[in-house]
Amino acid sequence: MKKEIHPQYTETVIKCACGNEVKVGSTKSDITVEICSHCHPFYTGKQKLVDSAGRIERFRRKYEKFQKAAQK
């Protein structure tokens, strides 16, 4: 391996929006995430809706006329 071309590998902390912190090794420092395995619905078994900027409502409004046409 060539010397002095690889990034510095250090211990860092990944912080989740739920407050969970995980210590890992990484080339980046202080990583922040919105959802982790501690609060993700797949791992917790709880249904939790994560809607960013009303995307679900926009989708429903967009395809509402197609649903009405299919029912007629």
C-alpha atoms as a PDB file:
ATOM      1  CA  MET A   1       0.000   0.000   0.000  1.00  0.00           C
ATOM      2  CA  LYS A   2       1.148   3.502  -0.738  1.00  0.00           C
ATOM      3  CA  LYS A   3       1.731   5.708   2.262  1.00  0.00           C
ATOM      4  CA  GLU A   4      -0.030   9.025   2.901  1.00  0.00           C
ATOM      5  CA  ILE A   5      -2.780   8.594   0.260  1.00  0.00           C
ATOM      6  CA  HIS A   6      -5.423   6.960   2.466  1.00  0.00           C
ATOM      7  CA  PRO A   7      -7.902   9.012   4.539  1.00  0.00           C
ATOM      8  CA  GLN A   8      -7.516   9.126   8.313  1.00  0.00           C
ATOM      9  CA  TYR A   9      -9.603   6.347   9.915  1.00  0.00           C
ATOM     10  CA  THR A  10     -10.840   7.352  13.372  1.00  0.00           C
ATOM     11  CA  GLU A  11     -13.527   6.435  15.888  1.00  0.00           C
ATOM     12  CA  THR A  12     -16.644   8.558  15.441  1.00  0.00           C
ATOM     13  CA  VAL A  13     -20.207   8.748  16.759  1.00  0.00           C
ATOM     14  CA  ILE A  14     -23.349   8.306  14.654  1.00  0.00           C
ATOM     15  CA  LYS A  15     -26.205  10.329  16.169  1.00  0.00           C
ATOM     16  CA  CYS A  16     -29.842   9.610  15.332  1.00  0.00           C
ATOM     17  CA  ALA A  17     -32.768  12.033  15.594  1.00  0.00           C
ATOM     18  CA  CYS A  18     -34.291   9.736  18.255  1.00  0.00           C
ATOM     19  CA  GLY A  19     -31.256  10.294  20.505  1.00  0.00           C
ATOM     20  CA  ASN A  20     -29.537   6.958  19.908  1.00  0.00           C
ATOM     21  CA  GLU A  21     -25.749   7.122  19.542  1.00  0.00           C
ATOM     22  CA  VAL A  22     -23.481   4.448  18.060  1.00  0.00           C
ATOM     23  CA  LYS A  23     -19.692   4.480  18.160  1.00  0.00           C
ATOM     24  CA  VAL A  24     -18.105   3.233  14.930  1.00  0.00           C
ATOM     25  CA  GLY A  25     -14.922   3.600  12.942  1.00  0.00           C
ATOM     26  CA  SER A  26     -15.118   5.911   9.946  1.00  0.00           C
ATOM     27  CA  THR A  27     -13.225   8.369   7.803  1.00  0.00           C
ATOM     28  CA  LYS A  28     -15.873  11.016   8.595  1.00  0.00           C
ATOM     29  CA  SER A  29     -16.484  12.693  11.928  1.00  0.00           C
ATOM     30  CA  ASP A  30     -19.830  13.231  13.656  1.00  0.00           C
ATOM     31  CA  ILE A  31     -22.398  11.553  11.408  1.00  0.00           C
ATOM     32  CA  THR A  32     -26.093  12.470  11.878  1.00  0.00           C
ATOM     33  CA  VAL A  33     -28.991  10.332  10.592  1.00  0.00           C
ATOM     34  CA  GLU A  34     -32.783  10.692  10.752  1.00  0.00           C
ATOM     35  CA  ILE A  35     -33.706   7.023  11.292  1.00  0.00           C
ATOM     36  CA  CYS A  36     -31.623   4.241  12.828  1.00  0.00           C
ATOM     37  CA  SER A  37     -32.230   0.597  13.691  1.00  0.00           C
ATOM     38  CA  HIS A  38     -33.276   1.671  17.184  1.00  0.00           C
ATOM     39  CA  CYS A  39     -36.300   3.677  15.935  1.00  0.00           C
ATOM     40  CA  HIS A  40     -37.012   2.248  12.447  1.00  0.00           C
ATOM     41  CA  PRO A  41     -40.464   0.605  12.179  1.00  0.00           C
ATOM     42  CA  PHE A  42     -39.016  -2.557  10.611  1.00  0.00           C
ATOM     43  CA  TYR A  43     -36.888  -3.238  13.698  1.00  0.00           C
ATOM     44  CA  THR A  44     -39.292  -1.940  16.347  1.00  0.00           C
ATOM     45  CA  GLY A  45     -42.431  -3.595  14.969  1.00  0.00           C
ATOM     46  CA  LYS A  46     -44.392  -0.361  15.339  1.00  0.00           C
ATOM     47  CA  GLN A  47     -46.021   1.333  12.369  1.00  0.00           C
ATOM     48  CA  LYS A  48     -44.761   4.885  12.133  1.00  0.00           C
ATOM     49  CA  LEU A  49     -45.482   7.133   9.168  1.00  0.00           C
ATOM     50  CA  VAL A  50     -42.522   9.170   7.990  1.00  0.00           C
ATOM     51  CA  ASP A  51     -43.954  11.772   5.640  1.00  0.00           C
ATOM     52  CA  SER A  52     -41.533  14.327   4.321  1.00  0.00           C
ATOM     53  CA  ALA A  53     -43.196  17.467   2.965  1.00  0.00           C
ATOM     54  CA  GLY A  54     -46.648  15.906   2.452  1.00  0.00           C
ATOM     55  CA  ARG A  55     -45.596  13.562  -0.335  1.00  0.00           C
ATOM     56  CA  ILE A  56     -48.222  10.984   0.519  1.00  0.00           C
ATOM     57  CA  GLU A  57     -51.022  13.534   0.334  1.00  0.00           C
ATOM     58  CA  ARG A  58     -49.743  14.864  -2.995  1.00  0.00           C
ATOM     59  CA  PHE A  59     -49.653  11.304  -4.355  1.00  0.00           C
ATOM     60  CA  ARG A  60     -53.220  10.624  -3.207  1.00  0.00           C
ATOM     61  CA  ARG A  61     -54.508  13.873  -4.734  1.00  0.00           C
ATOM     62  CA  LYS A  62     -52.709  13.155  -8.003  1.00  0.00           C
ATOM     63  CA  TYR A  63     -54.211   9.679  -8.450  1.00  0.00           C
ATOM     64  CA  GLU A  64     -57.614  10.409  -6.922  1.00  0.00           C
ATOM     65  CA  LYS A  65     -59.221  11.093 -10.313  1.00  0.00           C
ATOM     66  CA  PHE A  66     -57.957   7.749 -11.662  1.00  0.00           C
ATOM     67  CA  GLN A  67     -59.507   5.920  -8.741  1.00  0.00           C
ATOM     68  CA  LYS A  68     -62.848   7.667  -9.246  1.00  0.00           C
ATOM     69  CA  ALA A  69     -62.809   6.829 -12.979  1.00  0.00           C
ATOM     70  CA  ALA A  70     -62.073   3.164 -12.206  1.00  0.00           C
ATOM     71  CA  GLN A  71     -64.998   2.966  -9.758  1.00  0.00           C
ATOM     72  CA  LYS A  72     -67.484   4.274 -12.379  1.00  0.00           C
END
